[in-house]
């Protein structure tokens, strides 16, 4: 995952269009930055990005979601399952949409493999 990839369209995320763009974090930080929406239409791209994140994981991986406008329960589930299957360490989720911490608390209370930073 050396370059951004998009599902549902390229460029800026326009209102009314479902798109997800995922790219590596800048500055040598281990992780990904997502932009757009994580839903049924974009889930394959989200799951592919999480698979790559897990493959490159070394202790702490970061997931920057400041530009994600929505994530559905299945998208949060994919993140939780990825974190639970890591050999060690944790995933730090930065600036998620408001539903993500609520869904994590509802379905995975006490999951210590994910740290949410608002």
C-alpha atoms as a PDB file:
ATOM      1  CA  UNK A   1       0.000   0.000   0.000  1.00  0.00           C
ATOM      2  CA  UNK A   2       2.521   2.557  -1.116  1.00  0.00           C
ATOM      3  CA  UNK A   3       0.048   4.821  -2.872  1.00  0.00           C
ATOM      4  CA  UNK A   4      -3.468   5.989  -2.029  1.00  0.00           C
ATOM      5  CA  UNK A   5      -6.268   3.998  -3.535  1.00  0.00           C
ATOM      6  CA  UNK A   6      -9.930   4.905  -3.830  1.00  0.00           C
ATOM      7  CA  UNK A   7     -13.227   3.110  -4.171  1.00  0.00           C
ATOM      8  CA  UNK A   8     -16.272   4.794  -5.664  1.00  0.00           C
ATOM      9  CA  UNK A   9     -14.397   7.618  -7.342  1.00  0.00           C
ATOM     10  CA  UNK A  10     -11.133   9.497  -7.376  1.00  0.00           C
ATOM     11  CA  UNK A  11     -10.130  12.872  -6.044  1.00  0.00           C
ATOM     12  CA  UNK A  12     -12.096  14.818  -3.480  1.00  0.00           C
ATOM     13  CA  UNK A  13     -14.998  13.145  -1.754  1.00  0.00           C
ATOM     14  CA  UNK A  14     -18.063  14.881  -3.149  1.00  0.00           C
ATOM     15  CA  UNK A  15     -21.369  15.058  -1.283  1.00  0.00           C
ATOM     16  CA  UNK A  16     -23.686  12.269  -2.371  1.00  0.00           C
ATOM     17  CA  UNK A  17     -20.844  10.028  -3.595  1.00  0.00           C
ATOM     18  CA  UNK A  18     -19.620   7.041  -1.640  1.00  0.00           C
ATOM     19  CA  UNK A  19     -15.844   6.944  -1.686  1.00  0.00           C
ATOM     20  CA  UNK A  20     -12.988   5.801   0.495  1.00  0.00           C
ATOM     21  CA  UNK A  21      -9.377   6.749   0.022  1.00  0.00           C
ATOM     22  CA  UNK A  22      -6.700   5.045   2.124  1.00  0.00           C
ATOM     23  CA  UNK A  23      -3.027   6.001   2.154  1.00  0.00           C
ATOM     24  CA  UNK A  24       0.040   5.384   4.311  1.00  0.00           C
ATOM     25  CA  UNK A  25       0.728   7.854   7.108  1.00  0.00           C
ATOM     26  CA  UNK A  26       3.407  10.449   6.372  1.00  0.00           C
ATOM     27  CA  UNK A  27       6.561  10.920   8.378  1.00  0.00           C
ATOM     28  CA  UNK A  28       7.496   7.291   8.840  1.00  0.00           C
ATOM     29  CA  UNK A  29       4.648   6.506  11.256  1.00  0.00           C
ATOM     30  CA  UNK A  30       3.380   2.960  10.904  1.00  0.00           C
ATOM     31  CA  UNK A  31      -0.237   3.063   9.842  1.00  0.00           C
ATOM     32  CA  UNK A  32      -2.895   4.362   7.489  1.00  0.00           C
ATOM     33  CA  UNK A  33      -5.028   7.434   6.919  1.00  0.00           C
ATOM     34  CA  UNK A  34      -8.549   7.000   5.609  1.00  0.00           C
ATOM     35  CA  UNK A  35     -10.785   9.606   4.007  1.00  0.00           C
ATOM     36  CA  UNK A  36     -14.432   9.317   3.037  1.00  0.00           C
ATOM     37  CA  UNK A  37     -16.930   6.727   4.173  1.00  0.00           C
ATOM     38  CA  UNK A  38     -16.561   3.158   5.441  1.00  0.00           C
ATOM     39  CA  UNK A  39     -19.725   1.291   4.456  1.00  0.00           C
ATOM     40  CA  UNK A  40     -20.882  -1.771   2.531  1.00  0.00           C
ATOM     41  CA  UNK A  41     -19.770  -0.205  -0.767  1.00  0.00           C
ATOM     42  CA  UNK A  42     -16.258   0.628   0.433  1.00  0.00           C
ATOM     43  CA  UNK A  43     -15.679  -2.287   2.819  1.00  0.00           C
ATOM     44  CA  UNK A  44     -13.477  -4.323   0.436  1.00  0.00           C
ATOM     45  CA  UNK A  45     -11.012  -1.438   0.228  1.00  0.00           C
ATOM     46  CA  UNK A  46     -11.169  -0.929   4.028  1.00  0.00           C
ATOM     47  CA  UNK A  47     -10.549  -4.607   4.707  1.00  0.00           C
ATOM     48  CA  UNK A  48      -7.671  -4.665   2.213  1.00  0.00           C
ATOM     49  CA  UNK A  49      -6.106  -1.666   3.974  1.00  0.00           C
ATOM     50  CA  UNK A  50      -6.504  -3.368   7.369  1.00  0.00           C
ATOM     51  CA  UNK A  51      -4.928  -6.556   6.029  1.00  0.00           C
ATOM     52  CA  UNK A  52      -1.942  -4.547   4.847  1.00  0.00           C
ATOM     53  CA  UNK A  53      -1.801  -2.717   8.186  1.00  0.00           C
ATOM     54  CA  UNK A  54      -1.679  -6.044  10.040  1.00  0.00           C
ATOM     55  CA  UNK A  55       0.998  -7.362   7.684  1.00  0.00           C
ATOM     56  CA  UNK A  56       3.231  -4.358   8.411  1.00  0.00           C
ATOM     57  CA  UNK A  57       2.356  -4.123  12.122  1.00  0.00           C
ATOM     58  CA  UNK A  58       5.276  -3.809  14.514  1.00  0.00           C
ATOM     59  CA  UNK A  59       4.141  -2.997  18.030  1.00  0.00           C
ATOM     60  CA  UNK A  60       1.947   0.070  17.444  1.00  0.00           C
ATOM     61  CA  UNK A  61       0.006   0.888  14.301  1.00  0.00           C
ATOM     62  CA  UNK A  62      -1.912   4.125  13.768  1.00  0.00           C
ATOM     63  CA  UNK A  63      -5.241   4.570  11.985  1.00  0.00           C
ATOM     64  CA  UNK A  64      -6.041   8.236  11.277  1.00  0.00           C
ATOM     65  CA  UNK A  65      -9.769   8.732  10.672  1.00  0.00           C
ATOM     66  CA  UNK A  66     -10.189  12.525  10.971  1.00  0.00           C
ATOM     67  CA  UNK A  67     -11.497  12.711   7.391  1.00  0.00           C
ATOM     68  CA  UNK A  68     -13.874   9.745   7.676  1.00  0.00           C
ATOM     69  CA  UNK A  69     -17.461  10.989   7.801  1.00  0.00           C
ATOM     70  CA  UNK A  70     -19.094   7.645   8.612  1.00  0.00           C
ATOM     71  CA  UNK A  71     -18.141   4.105   9.577  1.00  0.00           C
ATOM     72  CA  UNK A  72     -20.731   1.343   9.818  1.00  0.00           C
ATOM     73  CA  UNK A  73     -20.783  -1.471  12.387  1.00  0.00           C
ATOM     74  CA  UNK A  74     -19.173  -3.924   9.954  1.00  0.00           C
ATOM     75  CA  UNK A  75     -16.323  -1.469   9.352  1.00  0.00           C
ATOM     76  CA  UNK A  76     -15.728  -1.159  13.107  1.00  0.00           C
ATOM     77  CA  UNK A  77     -15.946  -4.965  13.361  1.00  0.00           C
ATOM     78  CA  UNK A  78     -13.233  -5.350  10.711  1.00  0.00           C
ATOM     79  CA  UNK A  79     -11.011  -2.982  12.701  1.00  0.00           C
ATOM     80  CA  UNK A  80     -11.664  -4.820  15.987  1.00  0.00           C
ATOM     81  CA  UNK A  81     -11.021  -8.243  14.443  1.00  0.00           C
ATOM     82  CA  UNK A  82      -7.805  -6.981  12.858  1.00  0.00           C
ATOM     83  CA  UNK A  83      -6.611  -5.667  16.226  1.00  0.00           C
ATOM     84  CA  UNK A  84      -7.544  -8.881  18.050  1.00  0.00           C
ATOM     85  CA  UNK A  85      -5.628 -10.974  15.515  1.00  0.00           C
ATOM     86  CA  UNK A  86      -2.387  -9.013  15.803  1.00  0.00           C
ATOM     87  CA  UNK A  87       0.467 -10.990  17.350  1.00  0.00           C
ATOM     88  CA  UNK A  88       1.011  -8.233  19.929  1.00  0.00           C
ATOM     89  CA  UNK A  89       0.894  -4.524  20.473  1.00  0.00           C
ATOM     90  CA  UNK A  90      -2.047  -2.283  19.695  1.00  0.00           C
ATOM     91  CA  UNK A  91      -3.800  -0.106  17.158  1.00  0.00           C
ATOM     92  CA  UNK A  92      -4.191   3.594  17.954  1.00  0.00           C
ATOM     93  CA  UNK A  93      -7.256   5.066  16.229  1.00  0.00           C
ATOM     94  CA  UNK A  94      -6.951   8.832  15.939  1.00  0.00           C
ATOM     95  CA  UNK A  95      -9.874  11.249  15.516  1.00  0.00           C
ATOM     96  CA  UNK A  96     -12.575   8.721  14.559  1.00  0.00           C
ATOM     97  CA  UNK A  97     -16.161   9.607  13.668  1.00  0.00           C
ATOM     98  CA  UNK A  98     -18.369   9.629  16.790  1.00  0.00           C
ATOM     99  CA  UNK A  99     -20.015   6.259  16.152  1.00  0.00           C
ATOM    100  CA  UNK A 100     -16.732   4.303  16.203  1.00  0.00           C
ATOM    101  CA  UNK A 101     -15.979   4.564  19.959  1.00  0.00           C
ATOM    102  CA  UNK A 102     -19.648   3.900  20.767  1.00  0.00           C
ATOM    103  CA  UNK A 103     -19.722   0.733  18.645  1.00  0.00           C
ATOM    104  CA  UNK A 104     -16.429  -0.466  20.132  1.00  0.00           C
ATOM    105  CA  UNK A 105     -17.749   0.054  23.662  1.00  0.00           C
ATOM    106  CA  UNK A 106     -21.037  -1.666  22.833  1.00  0.00           C
ATOM    107  CA  UNK A 107     -19.629  -4.791  21.162  1.00  0.00           C
ATOM    108  CA  UNK A 108     -16.027  -4.992  22.427  1.00  0.00           C
ATOM    109  CA  UNK A 109     -15.927  -3.409  25.893  1.00  0.00           C
ATOM    110  CA  UNK A 110     -12.475  -3.614  27.386  1.00  0.00           C
ATOM    111  CA  UNK A 111     -10.734  -4.421  24.077  1.00  0.00           C
ATOM    112  CA  UNK A 112      -7.243  -3.290  25.052  1.00  0.00           C
ATOM    113  CA  UNK A 113      -5.755  -3.842  21.598  1.00  0.00           C
ATOM    114  CA  UNK A 114      -7.430  -0.622  20.374  1.00  0.00           C
ATOM    115  CA  UNK A 115      -6.737   2.812  21.846  1.00  0.00           C
ATOM    116  CA  UNK A 116      -9.052   5.599  20.666  1.00  0.00           C
ATOM    117  CA  UNK A 117      -7.666   9.137  20.662  1.00  0.00           C
ATOM    118  CA  UNK A 118     -10.354  11.741  20.163  1.00  0.00           C
END
